[in-house]
C-alpha atoms as a PDB file:
ATOM      1  CA  MET A   1      14.955 -16.177 -13.755  1.00  0.00           C
ATOM      2  CA  ALA A   2      13.589 -16.527 -17.256  1.00  0.00           C
ATOM      3  CA  PRO A   3      10.905 -14.030 -18.343  1.00  0.00           C
ATOM      4  CA  ARG A   4       8.314 -16.811 -18.391  1.00  0.00           C
ATOM      5  CA  ASP A   5       8.963 -17.362 -14.666  1.00  0.00           C
ATOM      6  CA  LEU A   6       8.299 -13.717 -13.761  1.00  0.00           C
ATOM      7  CA  SER A   7       4.947 -11.990 -13.608  1.00  0.00           C
ATOM      8  CA  GLY A   8       4.327  -8.983 -15.811  1.00  0.00           C
ATOM      9  CA  LYS A   9       4.342  -6.859 -12.680  1.00  0.00           C
ATOM     10  CA  GLN A  10       7.761  -8.191 -11.648  1.00  0.00           C
ATOM     11  CA  ILE A  11       9.180  -7.585 -15.122  1.00  0.00           C
ATOM     12  CA  MET A  12       7.771  -4.043 -15.129  1.00  0.00           C
ATOM     13  CA  ARG A  13       9.288  -3.325 -11.706  1.00  0.00           C
ATOM     14  CA  ASP A  14      12.662  -4.570 -12.915  1.00  0.00           C
ATOM     15  CA  ILE A  15      12.412  -2.392 -16.032  1.00  0.00           C
ATOM     16  CA  MET A  16      11.619   0.706 -13.986  1.00  0.00           C
ATOM     17  CA  GLU A  17      14.336  -0.009 -11.424  1.00  0.00           C
ATOM     18  CA  ASN A  18      16.787  -0.054 -14.326  1.00  0.00           C
ATOM     19  CA  LEU A  19      15.413   2.837 -16.401  1.00  0.00           C
ATOM     20  CA  ARG A  20      14.033   5.017 -13.537  1.00  0.00           C
ATOM     21  CA  THR A  21      11.986   7.041 -16.097  1.00  0.00           C
ATOM     22  CA  ALA A  22      10.316   5.850 -19.302  1.00  0.00           C
ATOM     23  CA  THR A  23       7.479   6.576 -21.684  1.00  0.00           C
ATOM     24  CA  ALA A  24       4.668   4.055 -22.013  1.00  0.00           C
ATOM     25  CA  GLU A  25       6.095   3.048 -25.378  1.00  0.00           C
ATOM     26  CA  GLN A  26       9.544   2.444 -23.875  1.00  0.00           C
ATOM     27  CA  ILE A  27       8.058   0.257 -21.142  1.00  0.00           C
ATOM     28  CA  PHE A  28       5.988  -1.669 -23.680  1.00  0.00           C
ATOM     29  CA  ASP A  29       8.993  -2.165 -25.978  1.00  0.00           C
ATOM     30  CA  GLU A  30      11.187  -3.269 -23.072  1.00  0.00           C
ATOM     31  CA  MET A  31       8.550  -5.790 -21.929  1.00  0.00           C
ATOM     32  CA  ARG A  32       8.570  -7.275 -25.423  1.00  0.00           C
ATOM     33  CA  ARG A  33      12.381  -7.167 -25.682  1.00  0.00           C
ATOM     34  CA  ARG A  34      12.606  -9.162 -22.454  1.00  0.00           C
ATOM     35  CA  GLY A  35      10.314 -11.779 -23.907  1.00  0.00           C
ATOM     36  CA  ALA A  36       7.299 -11.194 -21.687  1.00  0.00           C
ATOM     37  CA  VAL A  37       4.578 -13.551 -22.869  1.00  0.00           C
ATOM     38  CA  ILE A  38       1.660 -11.258 -22.037  1.00  0.00           C
ATOM     39  CA  ALA A  39      -1.142  -9.886 -24.195  1.00  0.00           C
ATOM     40  CA  ASP A  40      -0.695  -6.278 -25.320  1.00  0.00           C
ATOM     41  CA  ASP A  41      -3.804  -5.154 -23.418  1.00  0.00           C
ATOM     42  CA  THR A  42      -2.447  -6.729 -20.246  1.00  0.00           C
ATOM     43  CA  ILE A  43       0.778  -4.717 -20.498  1.00  0.00           C
ATOM     44  CA  TRP A  44      -1.234  -1.501 -20.858  1.00  0.00           C
ATOM     45  CA  GLN A  45      -3.390  -2.505 -17.885  1.00  0.00           C
ATOM     46  CA  TYR A  46      -0.277  -3.109 -15.765  1.00  0.00           C
ATOM     47  CA  MET A  47       0.912   0.387 -16.665  1.00  0.00           C
ATOM     48  CA  MET A  48      -2.389   1.852 -15.462  1.00  0.00           C
ATOM     49  CA  SER A  49      -2.934  -0.310 -12.401  1.00  0.00           C
ATOM     50  CA  LEU A  50       0.488   0.293 -10.868  1.00  0.00           C
ATOM     51  CA  VAL A  51       0.316   4.116 -10.906  1.00  0.00           C
ATOM     52  CA  VAL A  52       0.141   5.673  -7.437  1.00  0.00           C
ATOM     53  CA  ASN A  53      -1.286   9.010  -8.644  1.00  0.00           C
ATOM     54  CA  LEU A  54      -4.160   7.798 -10.826  1.00  0.00           C
ATOM     55  CA  PRO A  55      -7.449   7.730  -8.844  1.00  0.00           C
ATOM     56  CA  PRO A  56      -9.378   5.592 -11.392  1.00  0.00           C
ATOM     57  CA  ALA A  57      -6.714   2.880 -11.058  1.00  0.00           C
ATOM     58  CA  TRP A  58      -7.347   2.723  -7.303  1.00  0.00           C
ATOM     59  CA  LYS A  59     -11.075   2.297  -7.957  1.00  0.00           C
ATOM     60  CA  HIS A  60     -10.628  -0.313 -10.670  1.00  0.00           C
ATOM     61  CA  TRP A  61      -7.869  -2.330  -8.939  1.00  0.00           C
ATOM     62  CA  PRO A  62      -8.472  -1.743  -5.187  1.00  0.00           C
ATOM     63  CA  GLN A  63      -6.753  -4.993  -4.230  1.00  0.00           C
ATOM     64  CA  LEU A  64      -3.320  -3.779  -5.356  1.00  0.00           C
ATOM     65  CA  THR A  65      -1.212  -2.592  -2.455  1.00  0.00           C
ATOM     66  CA  ASP A  66       2.290  -2.194  -3.855  1.00  0.00           C
ATOM     67  CA  ARG A  67       2.013   0.323  -6.670  1.00  0.00           C
ATOM     68  CA  PHE A  68       5.371   1.648  -7.820  1.00  0.00           C
ATOM     69  CA  LEU A  69       4.790   3.872 -10.857  1.00  0.00           C
ATOM     70  CA  PHE A  70       4.395   7.647 -10.770  1.00  0.00           C
ATOM     71  CA  LEU A  71       2.860   9.263 -13.860  1.00  0.00           C
ATOM     72  CA  ARG A  72       4.202  12.746 -14.512  1.00  0.00           C
ATOM     73  CA  GLU A  73       2.146  15.491 -16.151  1.00  0.00           C
ATOM     74  CA  ASP A  74       4.135  15.029 -19.371  1.00  0.00           C
ATOM     75  CA  GLY A  75       3.063  11.371 -19.592  1.00  0.00           C
ATOM     76  CA  VAL A  76       6.428   9.926 -18.575  1.00  0.00           C
ATOM     77  CA  TYR A  77       6.505   7.228 -15.905  1.00  0.00           C
ATOM     78  CA  GLU A  78       8.944   7.311 -13.001  1.00  0.00           C
ATOM     79  CA  LEU A  79       9.715   4.832 -10.298  1.00  0.00           C
ATOM     80  CA  TYR A  80       7.647   6.149  -7.393  1.00  0.00           C
ATOM     81  CA  ASP A  81       9.563   7.590  -4.454  1.00  0.00           C
ATOM     82  CA  GLU A  82       7.407   8.825  -1.572  1.00  0.00           C
ATOM     83  CA  ALA A  83      10.142  11.174  -0.334  1.00  0.00           C
ATOM     84  CA  ARG A  84      10.294  12.837  -3.749  1.00  0.00           C
ATOM     85  CA  HIS A  85       6.708  12.606  -4.994  1.00  0.00           C
ATOM     86  CA  GLY A  86       4.754  12.757  -1.741  1.00  0.00           C
ATOM     87  CA  ARG A  87       2.382  10.266  -0.176  1.00  0.00           C
ATOM     88  CA  TYR A  88      -0.682   9.164  -2.113  1.00  0.00           C
ATOM     89  CA  ASP A  89      -3.904   7.634  -0.892  1.00  0.00           C
ATOM     90  CA  ASN A  90      -6.415   6.303  -3.401  1.00  0.00           C
ATOM     91  CA  GLY A  91      -4.540   8.118  -6.145  1.00  0.00           C
ATOM     92  CA  ARG A  92      -4.647  11.537  -4.477  1.00  0.00           C
ATOM     93  CA  LEU A  93      -1.751  13.433  -2.950  1.00  0.00           C
ATOM     94  CA  VAL A  94      -1.977  13.575   0.838  1.00  0.00           C
ATOM     95  CA  PRO A  95      -0.898  17.016   2.058  1.00  0.00           C
ATOM     96  CA  PRO A  96       1.911  16.930   4.636  1.00  0.00           C
ATOM     97  CA  SER A  97       0.575  17.316   8.165  1.00  0.00           C
ATOM     98  CA  GLY A  98       0.353  20.912   9.278  1.00  0.00           C
ATOM     99  CA  THR A  99      -0.483  22.267   5.812  1.00  0.00           C
ATOM    100  CA  ALA A 100      -3.812  23.597   4.601  1.00  0.00           C
ATOM    101  CA  THR A 101      -5.809  21.470   2.161  1.00  0.00           C
END
């Protein structure tokens, strides 16, 4: 499929499935390298809206259900893996059952 046939979200998912971890700049550069015809601000908004552990993103984009980015403390993005990162609800980590909150 040509980049023009894919949504920005689909291109970003493909990038992260290939890279597994990336800085925001690497994601942005890879979107451009792949020929994504999307405004710069839209790319940055995709990077925010698709993060599972960012509460403001859940408030701003409540309609999104398939978020797949995990933002580490050092600012690097990873492809979200619930088994590795834990389960998130509205951007907040849900403690495993049987543990104190």
